[in-house]
Amino acid sequence: MIRELNQIGDNVSIGTHSVIEHHVQIDDNVRVHSNAFIPEFSILEEGAWVGPNVVFTNALYPLSPQAKSNLKGSHLKNLDDG
């Protein structure tokens, strides 16, 4: 499932039963395997790879009453870039 307001580059592969929440940036040549969860505000840089069943979180303080106002997405970089 791919939600609204995402930026998705070219040559991107998203596996079966994965969830890409809203406001996610996925650059070119990214691979997201099956059953992955990418929360809102995440950035997957060019060439990044997400394995099967990976779950990222974006709540810095999940038990805080202000958890939703402190969301920050994961930032996955390509290891080949150093």
N, C-alpha and C. Protein backbone atom coordinates (compact mmCIF):
# COMPACT_ATOMS: atom_id res chain seq x y z
N MET A 1 0.85 -1.17 0.00
CA MET A 1 0.00 0.00 0.00
C MET A 1 0.90 1.23 0.00
N ILE A 2 0.62 2.13 -0.89
CA ILE A 2 1.38 3.38 -0.97
C ILE A 2 0.41 4.53 -0.73
N ARG A 3 0.66 5.29 0.31
CA ARG A 3 -0.22 6.41 0.68
C ARG A 3 0.05 7.63 -0.18
N GLU A 4 -0.68 8.69 0.08
CA GLU A 4 -0.64 9.92 -0.70
C GLU A 4 0.57 10.80 -0.35
N LEU A 5 0.84 11.76 -1.23
CA LEU A 5 1.84 12.83 -1.02
C LEU A 5 3.27 12.30 -0.84
N ASN A 6 3.61 11.25 -1.60
CA ASN A 6 4.97 10.72 -1.58
C ASN A 6 5.71 11.17 -2.83
N GLN A 7 7.04 11.18 -2.75
CA GLN A 7 7.90 11.43 -3.90
C GLN A 7 8.64 10.13 -4.17
N ILE A 8 8.40 9.53 -5.32
CA ILE A 8 9.00 8.25 -5.64
C ILE A 8 9.76 8.37 -6.94
N GLY A 9 11.06 8.02 -6.90
CA GLY A 9 11.93 8.15 -8.06
C GLY A 9 11.72 7.04 -9.08
N ASP A 10 12.68 6.94 -9.99
CA ASP A 10 12.65 5.93 -11.05
C ASP A 10 13.31 4.64 -10.60
N ASN A 11 12.89 3.54 -11.22
CA ASN A 11 13.48 2.22 -10.98
C ASN A 11 13.40 1.83 -9.51
N VAL A 12 12.24 2.06 -8.91
CA VAL A 12 11.98 1.73 -7.51
C VAL A 12 11.16 0.44 -7.47
N SER A 13 11.53 -0.46 -6.58
CA SER A 13 10.80 -1.72 -6.41
C SER A 13 10.25 -1.77 -4.99
N ILE A 14 8.94 -1.98 -4.86
CA ILE A 14 8.28 -2.09 -3.56
C ILE A 14 7.57 -3.43 -3.50
N GLY A 15 7.97 -4.26 -2.54
CA GLY A 15 7.46 -5.62 -2.45
C GLY A 15 6.04 -5.72 -1.94
N THR A 16 5.49 -6.89 -2.13
CA THR A 16 4.13 -7.21 -1.73
C THR A 16 3.90 -6.99 -0.24
N HIS A 17 2.75 -6.46 0.11
CA HIS A 17 2.30 -6.24 1.49
C HIS A 17 3.14 -5.22 2.25
N SER A 18 3.92 -4.41 1.55
CA SER A 18 4.65 -3.33 2.22
C SER A 18 3.72 -2.13 2.36
N VAL A 19 4.00 -1.30 3.37
CA VAL A 19 3.22 -0.08 3.59
C VAL A 19 4.18 1.10 3.54
N ILE A 20 3.89 2.04 2.64
CA ILE A 20 4.64 3.29 2.54
C ILE A 20 3.67 4.38 2.95
N GLU A 21 3.88 4.95 4.13
CA GLU A 21 2.98 5.99 4.62
C GLU A 21 3.16 7.28 3.81
N HIS A 22 2.43 8.34 4.17
CA HIS A 22 2.45 9.60 3.42
C HIS A 22 3.70 10.43 3.71
N HIS A 23 3.99 11.38 2.82
CA HIS A 23 5.13 12.30 2.96
C HIS A 23 6.47 11.56 3.06
N VAL A 24 6.64 10.54 2.25
CA VAL A 24 7.89 9.76 2.20
C VAL A 24 8.61 10.11 0.91
N GLN A 25 9.93 10.25 1.00
CA GLN A 25 10.77 10.50 -0.18
C GLN A 25 11.56 9.24 -0.48
N ILE A 26 11.34 8.68 -1.67
CA ILE A 26 12.07 7.50 -2.12
C ILE A 26 12.81 7.89 -3.39
N ASP A 27 14.13 7.90 -3.34
CA ASP A 27 14.93 8.29 -4.50
C ASP A 27 15.05 7.15 -5.50
N ASP A 28 15.75 7.40 -6.60
CA ASP A 28 15.93 6.41 -7.67
C ASP A 28 16.64 5.15 -7.17
N ASN A 29 16.32 4.03 -7.81
CA ASN A 29 17.01 2.76 -7.60
C ASN A 29 16.93 2.22 -6.18
N VAL A 30 15.83 2.47 -5.51
CA VAL A 30 15.61 1.97 -4.14
C VAL A 30 14.84 0.66 -4.22
N ARG A 31 15.18 -0.26 -3.33
CA ARG A 31 14.46 -1.54 -3.26
C ARG A 31 13.89 -1.69 -1.85
N VAL A 32 12.58 -1.90 -1.76
CA VAL A 32 11.89 -2.18 -0.51
C VAL A 32 11.29 -3.57 -0.66
N HIS A 33 11.77 -4.52 0.11
CA HIS A 33 11.28 -5.89 0.01
C HIS A 33 9.89 -6.03 0.62
N SER A 34 9.34 -7.22 0.55
CA SER A 34 7.98 -7.50 1.02
C SER A 34 7.81 -7.31 2.52
N ASN A 35 6.61 -6.90 2.90
CA ASN A 35 6.19 -6.76 4.30
C ASN A 35 6.93 -5.70 5.09
N ALA A 36 7.49 -4.71 4.41
CA ALA A 36 8.20 -3.62 5.10
C ALA A 36 7.21 -2.52 5.48
N PHE A 37 7.55 -1.75 6.50
CA PHE A 37 6.75 -0.59 6.91
C PHE A 37 7.66 0.63 6.95
N ILE A 38 7.32 1.62 6.13
CA ILE A 38 8.07 2.88 6.06
C ILE A 38 7.13 3.99 6.54
N PRO A 39 7.39 4.58 7.71
CA PRO A 39 6.48 5.58 8.25
C PRO A 39 6.63 6.95 7.57
N GLU A 40 5.65 7.82 7.83
CA GLU A 40 5.65 9.15 7.26
C GLU A 40 6.93 9.92 7.62
N PHE A 41 7.33 10.80 6.71
CA PHE A 41 8.49 11.69 6.83
C PHE A 41 9.83 10.97 6.68
N SER A 42 9.82 9.73 6.20
CA SER A 42 11.07 8.99 5.99
C SER A 42 11.70 9.39 4.66
N ILE A 43 13.02 9.21 4.58
CA ILE A 43 13.78 9.47 3.36
C ILE A 43 14.61 8.23 3.06
N LEU A 44 14.44 7.68 1.86
CA LEU A 44 15.25 6.55 1.40
C LEU A 44 16.09 7.07 0.23
N GLU A 45 17.38 7.24 0.47
CA GLU A 45 18.25 7.82 -0.55
C GLU A 45 18.51 6.85 -1.70
N GLU A 46 19.01 7.40 -2.80
CA GLU A 46 19.26 6.63 -4.01
C GLU A 46 20.06 5.36 -3.72
N GLY A 47 19.57 4.24 -4.22
CA GLY A 47 20.26 2.97 -4.07
C GLY A 47 20.06 2.28 -2.73
N ALA A 48 19.26 2.86 -1.85
CA ALA A 48 19.04 2.24 -0.53
C ALA A 48 18.27 0.93 -0.70
N TRP A 49 18.43 0.06 0.27
CA TRP A 49 17.85 -1.28 0.23
C TRP A 49 17.23 -1.58 1.59
N VAL A 50 15.95 -1.99 1.58
CA VAL A 50 15.23 -2.34 2.81
C VAL A 50 14.85 -3.82 2.70
N GLY A 51 15.30 -4.62 3.65
CA GLY A 51 15.05 -6.05 3.61
C GLY A 51 13.62 -6.42 3.96
N PRO A 52 13.28 -7.70 3.80
CA PRO A 52 11.93 -8.15 4.10
C PRO A 52 11.59 -8.03 5.58
N ASN A 53 10.35 -7.66 5.86
CA ASN A 53 9.81 -7.56 7.22
C ASN A 53 10.45 -6.47 8.07
N VAL A 54 11.12 -5.51 7.46
CA VAL A 54 11.73 -4.40 8.22
C VAL A 54 10.65 -3.40 8.60
N VAL A 55 10.71 -2.93 9.83
CA VAL A 55 9.76 -1.93 10.32
C VAL A 55 10.55 -0.77 10.90
N PHE A 56 10.39 0.41 10.29
CA PHE A 56 10.99 1.62 10.82
C PHE A 56 9.95 2.33 11.69
N THR A 57 10.41 3.18 12.57
CA THR A 57 9.48 3.98 13.38
C THR A 57 9.83 5.45 13.21
N ASN A 58 8.88 6.31 13.51
CA ASN A 58 9.13 7.75 13.41
C ASN A 58 8.76 8.48 14.69
N ALA A 59 8.46 7.76 15.74
CA ALA A 59 8.10 8.37 17.02
C ALA A 59 9.33 8.41 17.92
N LEU A 60 9.88 9.60 18.10
CA LEU A 60 11.06 9.74 18.96
C LEU A 60 10.72 9.43 20.42
N TYR A 61 9.50 9.79 20.82
CA TYR A 61 9.05 9.57 22.20
C TYR A 61 7.66 8.94 22.14
N PRO A 62 7.55 7.65 21.86
CA PRO A 62 6.25 7.02 21.58
C PRO A 62 5.24 7.08 22.72
N LEU A 63 5.68 7.17 23.96
CA LEU A 63 4.74 7.20 25.08
C LEU A 63 4.37 8.62 25.51
N SER A 64 4.96 9.62 24.88
CA SER A 64 4.69 11.01 25.21
C SER A 64 3.30 11.41 24.72
N PRO A 65 2.59 12.24 25.50
CA PRO A 65 1.29 12.74 25.04
C PRO A 65 1.41 13.55 23.75
N GLN A 66 2.60 14.09 23.48
CA GLN A 66 2.83 14.88 22.27
C GLN A 66 3.55 14.07 21.18
N ALA A 67 3.42 12.76 21.21
CA ALA A 67 4.14 11.89 20.28
C ALA A 67 3.93 12.31 18.82
N LYS A 68 2.71 12.62 18.43
CA LYS A 68 2.43 12.98 17.04
C LYS A 68 3.08 14.29 16.63
N SER A 69 3.27 15.20 17.55
CA SER A 69 3.89 16.48 17.19
C SER A 69 5.42 16.38 17.15
N ASN A 70 5.99 15.25 17.55
CA ASN A 70 7.44 15.06 17.55
C ASN A 70 7.89 13.99 16.56
N LEU A 71 7.08 13.71 15.54
CA LEU A 71 7.43 12.67 14.58
C LEU A 71 8.62 13.11 13.72
N LYS A 72 9.51 12.17 13.47
CA LYS A 72 10.65 12.41 12.58
C LYS A 72 10.93 11.09 11.88
N GLY A 73 10.85 11.09 10.57
CA GLY A 73 11.04 9.85 9.82
C GLY A 73 12.48 9.38 9.80
N SER A 74 12.64 8.12 9.49
CA SER A 74 13.97 7.53 9.35
C SER A 74 14.63 8.08 8.09
N HIS A 75 15.97 8.09 8.10
CA HIS A 75 16.73 8.54 6.94
C HIS A 75 17.71 7.45 6.59
N LEU A 76 17.41 6.71 5.52
CA LEU A 76 18.24 5.57 5.11
C LEU A 76 19.15 6.00 3.98
N LYS A 77 20.45 5.84 4.20
CA LYS A 77 21.44 6.23 3.20
C LYS A 77 22.00 5.01 2.51
N ASN A 78 22.54 5.21 1.34
CA ASN A 78 23.21 4.15 0.59
C ASN A 78 24.63 3.99 1.14
N LEU A 79 24.99 2.81 1.60
CA LEU A 79 26.31 2.58 2.18
C LEU A 79 27.44 2.79 1.18
N ASP A 80 27.16 2.65 -0.10
CA ASP A 80 28.19 2.85 -1.12
C ASP A 80 28.66 4.30 -1.18
N ASP A 81 27.87 5.22 -0.61
CA ASP A 81 28.24 6.64 -0.64
C ASP A 81 29.24 7.00 0.45
N GLY A 82 29.67 6.04 1.26
CA GLY A 82 30.66 6.30 2.29
C GLY A 82 30.03 6.61 3.57
